[in-house]
Amino acid sequence: MASIKTRLRREKIAKIMMQLSGILITGSLFFIVGTILFKGFPYLTWEMISQVPQGGFYIGKEGGILNAIIGSLYLGLASTFLAALIGLPVAIYLNIYVKSGSFLARSSKLLFDVLFGVPSIVYGAIAFSIMIWMGIRASLLGGIITVTLLTIPIVVRTIDELLKTIPVDLKHVTQSLGATKWEVAKILLLHIKPGIFTALLLAFGRAIGDVAGVLLTAGFSDNIPKYLDEPAATLPLAIFFQLSSPIPEVQGRAYASALILTLIILIIVICTHYLASKQRKHKI
């Protein structure tokens, strides 16, 4: 009887702890979003969205952050595409072509786990050294290379975990019907297609929100880059520079920039959920 009471007491404590954790996380989210809305919305204007910085923008004069918005989209979309182009085949190879539990499979996944946790400033420093060696100056290309290296582990490990959720019987049955490994891979990828959208979303969110990695490699410019060898502004850097100003109006614009970045992520999340739900209906 005492044992049952102890188990019930532990379950109650665990339930309370989970509820408190949920409240804390949800409350933190609402606090962050609420702070951005409260401090940034009054400074959010069409001029700020549709114009590039004019002379003295970062000391409170006219202009906007269109250059940073376009630069962030360029960098985020290009690096996510390249990360998917490289990471997806790597994940397929490790799960389909490499024997499960082999030294290569275990060491490769351990390596990507380590790369997943490496701070972005380390990627920036390494990419900056490579750029100096190759004679590439700080530019949109340098930022794309850096953020691609940063997001490849995210794509590989996320897809790897998705492939683990597929029943082993599906793979065995497909192979027993005489399918090649590439045909098996296509069937498994079709099965986790909604999850792949989530993996790309995670990569894009990391790419568009990174500041340490692109600080050394992408540079900063008040103009919209037309070529890959031109420096590019990003929203995180624009936020950082504006928050560093002692002028209250410029700090308010920083929160407005953060609000724009949040809205971009929100739009991507909604689109991803829509595509995922459409795919699930199609499978049903």
Protein backbone atom coordinates (compact mmCIF):
# COMPACT_ATOMS: atom_id res chain seq x y z
CA MET A 1 0.00 0.00 0.00
CA ALA A 2 2.83 2.33 0.92
CA SER A 3 4.51 1.56 -2.38
CA ILE A 4 1.38 2.52 -4.33
CA LYS A 5 1.09 5.79 -2.41
CA THR A 6 4.77 6.55 -3.11
CA ARG A 7 4.30 5.89 -6.83
CA LEU A 8 1.20 8.09 -6.96
CA ARG A 9 3.03 10.84 -5.10
CA ARG A 10 5.95 10.69 -7.55
CA GLU A 11 3.58 10.75 -10.50
CA LYS A 12 1.82 13.80 -9.06
CA ILE A 13 5.13 15.58 -8.50
CA ALA A 14 6.27 14.73 -12.03
CA LYS A 15 2.97 16.02 -13.45
CA ILE A 16 3.32 19.28 -11.51
CA MET A 17 6.92 19.69 -12.72
CA MET A 18 5.85 19.15 -16.34
CA GLN A 19 3.04 21.67 -15.98
CA LEU A 20 5.39 24.23 -14.44
CA SER A 21 7.91 23.65 -17.24
CA GLY A 22 5.20 24.13 -19.85
CA ILE A 23 4.00 27.32 -18.18
CA LEU A 24 7.58 28.64 -17.90
CA ILE A 25 8.40 27.94 -21.57
CA THR A 26 5.09 29.34 -22.84
CA GLY A 27 5.39 32.37 -20.57
CA SER A 28 8.94 33.03 -21.79
CA LEU A 29 7.76 32.85 -25.40
CA PHE A 30 4.91 35.30 -24.80
CA PHE A 31 7.25 37.60 -22.87
CA ILE A 32 9.79 37.70 -25.71
CA VAL A 33 7.18 38.22 -28.43
CA GLY A 34 5.30 40.73 -26.29
CA THR A 35 8.46 42.75 -25.64
CA ILE A 36 9.27 42.85 -29.36
CA LEU A 37 5.72 43.93 -30.22
CA PHE A 38 5.53 46.54 -27.45
CA LYS A 39 8.90 48.15 -28.21
CA GLY A 40 9.07 47.60 -31.97
CA PHE A 41 5.56 48.07 -33.36
CA PRO A 42 5.44 51.88 -32.81
CA TYR A 43 8.58 52.23 -34.97
CA LEU A 44 7.46 49.82 -37.70
CA THR A 45 6.63 51.88 -40.78
CA TRP A 46 6.31 51.23 -44.50
CA GLU A 47 9.29 53.51 -45.06
CA MET A 48 11.41 51.26 -42.87
CA ILE A 49 10.43 48.14 -44.83
CA SER A 50 10.58 49.58 -48.34
CA GLN A 51 13.73 51.74 -48.26
CA VAL A 52 17.43 51.18 -47.86
CA PRO A 53 19.33 53.22 -45.23
CA GLN A 54 19.92 56.83 -46.10
CA GLY A 55 22.81 58.87 -44.75
CA GLY A 56 22.69 58.82 -40.97
CA PHE A 57 20.04 56.11 -40.66
CA TYR A 58 21.88 54.54 -37.74
CA ILE A 59 21.86 57.82 -35.86
CA GLY A 60 18.12 58.30 -36.23
CA LYS A 61 17.70 59.83 -39.69
CA GLU A 62 15.66 58.69 -42.69
CA GLY A 63 15.75 55.34 -44.46
CA GLY A 64 14.91 51.71 -43.81
CA ILE A 65 16.28 48.19 -43.62
CA LEU A 66 15.24 46.79 -47.00
CA ASN A 67 18.89 45.94 -47.67
CA ALA A 68 19.01 43.80 -44.52
CA ILE A 69 15.71 42.07 -45.31
CA ILE A 70 16.77 41.16 -48.86
CA GLY A 71 20.27 40.20 -47.70
CA SER A 72 18.87 37.87 -45.02
CA LEU A 73 16.52 36.21 -47.51
CA TYR A 74 19.33 35.77 -50.04
CA LEU A 75 21.61 34.25 -47.44
CA GLY A 76 18.96 32.10 -45.73
CA LEU A 77 17.42 30.66 -48.90
CA ALA A 78 20.73 30.00 -50.67
CA SER A 79 22.41 28.37 -47.67
CA THR A 80 19.33 26.24 -46.90
CA PHE A 81 19.20 25.06 -50.51
CA LEU A 82 22.89 24.15 -50.49
CA ALA A 83 22.60 22.47 -47.08
CA ALA A 84 19.71 20.34 -48.38
CA LEU A 85 21.61 19.58 -51.57
CA ILE A 86 24.58 18.29 -49.54
CA GLY A 87 22.96 17.07 -46.33
CA LEU A 88 20.13 15.01 -47.83
CA PRO A 89 22.42 12.67 -49.84
CA VAL A 90 24.73 12.31 -46.83
CA ALA A 91 21.81 11.30 -44.58
CA ILE A 92 20.56 8.83 -47.20
CA TYR A 93 24.02 7.31 -47.61
CA LEU A 94 24.52 6.85 -43.85
CA ASN A 95 21.12 5.19 -43.39
CA ILE A 96 20.70 3.17 -46.60
CA TYR A 97 24.12 2.36 -48.02
CA VAL A 98 26.21 2.14 -44.83
CA LYS A 99 25.67 -0.90 -42.61
CA SER A 100 23.80 0.04 -39.43
CA GLY A 101 26.04 -0.07 -36.35
CA SER A 102 29.27 -0.07 -38.36
CA PHE A 103 32.23 2.08 -37.35
CA LEU A 104 31.65 4.45 -40.28
CA ALA A 105 27.97 4.95 -39.37
CA ARG A 106 28.67 5.51 -35.66
CA SER A 107 31.68 7.80 -36.16
CA SER A 108 29.92 9.85 -38.87
CA LYS A 109 26.85 10.44 -36.72
CA LEU A 110 29.07 11.34 -33.75
CA LEU A 111 30.93 13.82 -35.95
CA PHE A 112 27.69 15.49 -37.07
CA ASP A 113 26.52 15.63 -33.44
CA VAL A 114 29.72 17.50 -32.57
CA LEU A 115 29.37 19.82 -35.57
CA PHE A 116 25.75 20.46 -34.60
CA GLY A 117 26.88 21.91 -31.28
CA VAL A 118 29.85 23.96 -32.51
CA PRO A 119 29.20 27.72 -31.99
CA SER A 120 28.60 29.69 -35.18
CA ILE A 121 31.52 32.03 -34.44
CA VAL A 122 33.85 29.03 -34.91
CA TYR A 123 32.38 28.39 -38.36
CA GLY A 124 32.80 32.09 -39.08
CA ALA A 125 36.46 32.05 -38.04
CA ILE A 126 37.20 28.93 -40.11
CA ALA A 127 35.35 30.29 -43.15
CA PHE A 128 37.14 33.63 -42.75
CA SER A 129 40.52 31.86 -42.79
CA ILE A 130 39.53 29.94 -45.92
CA MET A 131 38.33 33.17 -47.55
CA ILE A 132 41.67 34.85 -46.85
CA TRP A 133 43.53 31.86 -48.29
CA MET A 134 41.34 31.89 -51.43
CA GLY A 135 41.40 35.67 -51.76
CA ILE A 136 37.66 36.10 -51.19
CA ARG A 137 36.62 39.27 -49.43
CA ALA A 138 33.70 39.64 -47.02
CA SER A 139 30.66 39.21 -49.24
CA LEU A 140 27.32 37.51 -49.77
CA LEU A 141 29.20 34.47 -51.08
CA GLY A 142 31.30 34.28 -47.92
CA GLY A 143 28.19 34.48 -45.76
CA ILE A 144 26.44 31.76 -47.78
CA ILE A 145 29.44 29.44 -47.48
CA THR A 146 29.65 29.99 -43.71
CA VAL A 147 25.95 29.48 -43.02
CA THR A 148 25.83 26.45 -45.33
CA LEU A 149 28.55 24.80 -43.24
CA LEU A 150 26.56 25.75 -40.14
CA THR A 151 23.27 24.26 -41.36
CA ILE A 152 24.49 21.02 -42.99
CA PRO A 153 24.71 19.20 -39.60
CA ILE A 154 21.16 20.35 -38.80
CA VAL A 155 19.79 18.85 -42.01
CA VAL A 156 21.79 15.61 -41.70
CA ARG A 157 20.94 14.90 -38.06
CA THR A 158 17.27 15.88 -38.40
CA ILE A 159 16.73 13.65 -41.45
CA ASP A 160 18.72 10.89 -39.74
CA GLU A 161 16.33 10.99 -36.77
CA LEU A 162 13.34 11.03 -39.13
CA LEU A 163 14.59 7.93 -40.94
CA LYS A 164 14.90 6.16 -37.58
CA THR A 165 11.16 6.64 -36.99
CA ILE A 166 10.30 4.56 -40.09
CA PRO A 167 9.41 0.94 -39.22
CA VAL A 168 12.28 -1.41 -40.08
CA ASP A 169 9.78 -3.78 -41.71
CA LEU A 170 9.04 -1.22 -44.43
CA LYS A 171 12.68 -1.23 -45.49
CA HIS A 172 12.95 -5.02 -45.35
CA VAL A 173 9.72 -5.60 -47.28
CA THR A 174 10.79 -3.16 -49.98
CA GLN A 175 14.16 -4.87 -50.36
CA SER A 176 12.53 -8.31 -50.42
CA LEU A 177 10.52 -7.22 -53.47
CA GLY A 178 13.76 -6.72 -55.38
CA ALA A 179 14.03 -2.93 -55.06
CA THR A 180 17.48 -1.37 -55.33
CA LYS A 181 18.88 0.69 -52.49
CA TRP A 182 18.13 3.90 -54.41
CA GLU A 183 14.51 2.81 -54.88
CA VAL A 184 14.31 2.03 -51.16
CA ALA A 185 15.71 5.48 -50.41
CA LYS A 186 13.05 7.15 -52.59
CA ILE A 187 10.27 5.27 -50.80
CA LEU A 188 11.63 6.18 -47.37
CA LEU A 189 12.05 9.84 -48.35
CA LEU A 190 8.47 9.94 -49.57
CA HIS A 191 7.41 8.55 -46.20
CA ILE A 192 9.18 11.34 -44.28
CA LYS A 193 8.52 14.15 -46.76
CA PRO A 194 6.62 16.34 -44.24
CA GLY A 195 9.52 15.96 -41.80
CA ILE A 196 11.98 17.08 -44.45
CA PHE A 197 10.11 20.38 -44.65
CA THR A 198 10.60 20.72 -40.90
CA ALA A 199 14.33 20.01 -41.25
CA LEU A 200 14.64 22.71 -43.90
CA LEU A 201 12.68 25.10 -41.69
CA LEU A 202 15.11 24.50 -38.83
CA ALA A 203 18.02 25.12 -41.17
CA PHE A 204 16.45 28.29 -42.58
CA GLY A 205 15.66 29.60 -39.10
CA ARG A 206 19.26 29.05 -38.01
CA ALA A 207 20.55 30.60 -41.23
CA ILE A 208 18.47 33.76 -41.20
CA GLY A 209 18.99 34.33 -37.48
CA ASP A 210 22.75 33.82 -37.30
CA VAL A 211 24.90 36.81 -36.50
CA ALA A 212 28.26 35.54 -35.21
CA GLY A 213 29.06 33.50 -38.32
CA VAL A 214 28.30 36.25 -40.83
CA LEU A 215 29.90 39.03 -38.81
CA LEU A 216 33.32 38.18 -40.26
CA THR A 217 32.30 36.79 -43.63
CA ALA A 218 29.29 38.63 -45.08
CA GLY A 219 30.35 42.16 -44.24
CA PHE A 220 27.71 44.90 -44.16
CA SER A 221 26.39 47.30 -46.75
CA ASP A 222 23.64 49.89 -47.07
CA ASN A 223 22.95 48.63 -50.59
CA ILE A 224 21.13 45.53 -51.82
CA PRO A 225 23.75 43.09 -53.18
CA LYS A 226 23.49 42.43 -56.92
CA TYR A 227 26.41 40.02 -57.16
CA LEU A 228 27.82 37.31 -54.91
CA ASP A 229 31.11 39.18 -54.38
CA GLU A 230 29.38 42.22 -52.84
CA PRO A 231 28.99 42.65 -49.05
CA ALA A 232 25.50 42.01 -47.73
CA ALA A 233 23.60 43.29 -44.71
CA THR A 234 21.48 40.91 -42.62
CA LEU A 235 18.68 41.54 -40.16
CA PRO A 236 20.56 40.17 -37.11
CA LEU A 237 23.51 42.47 -37.84
CA ALA A 238 21.18 45.42 -38.42
CA ILE A 239 19.53 44.70 -35.06
CA PHE A 240 22.93 44.45 -33.37
CA PHE A 241 24.21 47.74 -34.80
CA GLN A 242 20.99 49.60 -33.93
CA LEU A 243 20.86 48.27 -30.38
CA SER A 244 24.44 49.47 -29.92
CA SER A 245 23.28 53.05 -30.48
CA PRO A 246 22.53 55.28 -27.45
CA ILE A 247 19.70 56.99 -29.39
CA PRO A 248 16.25 55.73 -28.21
CA GLU A 249 14.71 56.02 -31.69
CA VAL A 250 17.42 53.84 -33.20
CA GLN A 251 16.95 51.27 -30.43
CA GLY A 252 13.23 51.27 -31.19
CA ARG A 253 14.03 50.57 -34.83
CA ALA A 254 16.12 47.62 -33.66
CA TYR A 255 13.05 46.09 -32.02
CA ALA A 256 11.06 46.82 -35.18
CA SER A 257 13.74 44.96 -37.15
CA ALA A 258 13.43 42.06 -34.71
CA LEU A 259 9.67 42.11 -35.28
CA ILE A 260 10.19 41.86 -39.05
CA LEU A 261 12.58 38.92 -38.56
CA THR A 262 10.00 37.21 -36.33
CA LEU A 263 7.27 37.74 -38.93
CA ILE A 264 9.44 36.22 -41.66
CA ILE A 265 10.03 33.13 -39.53
CA LEU A 266 6.29 32.98 -38.74
CA ILE A 267 5.40 33.06 -42.45
CA ILE A 268 7.87 30.25 -43.16
CA VAL A 269 6.42 28.19 -40.28
CA ILE A 270 2.85 28.64 -41.56
CA CYS A 271 3.84 27.69 -45.10
CA THR A 272 5.72 24.63 -43.85
CA HIS A 273 2.78 23.46 -41.74
CA TYR A 274 0.46 23.96 -44.69
CA LEU A 275 2.67 21.89 -46.99
CA ALA A 276 3.08 19.20 -44.34
CA SER A 277 -0.68 18.95 -43.73
CA LYS A 278 -1.33 18.81 -47.47
CA GLN A 279 1.20 15.99 -47.79
CA ARG A 280 -0.42 14.05 -44.94
CA LYS A 281 -3.85 14.36 -46.59
CA HIS A 282 -2.32 13.15 -49.86
CA LYS A 283 -0.86 10.08 -48.12
CA ILE A 284 -4.22 9.28 -46.53
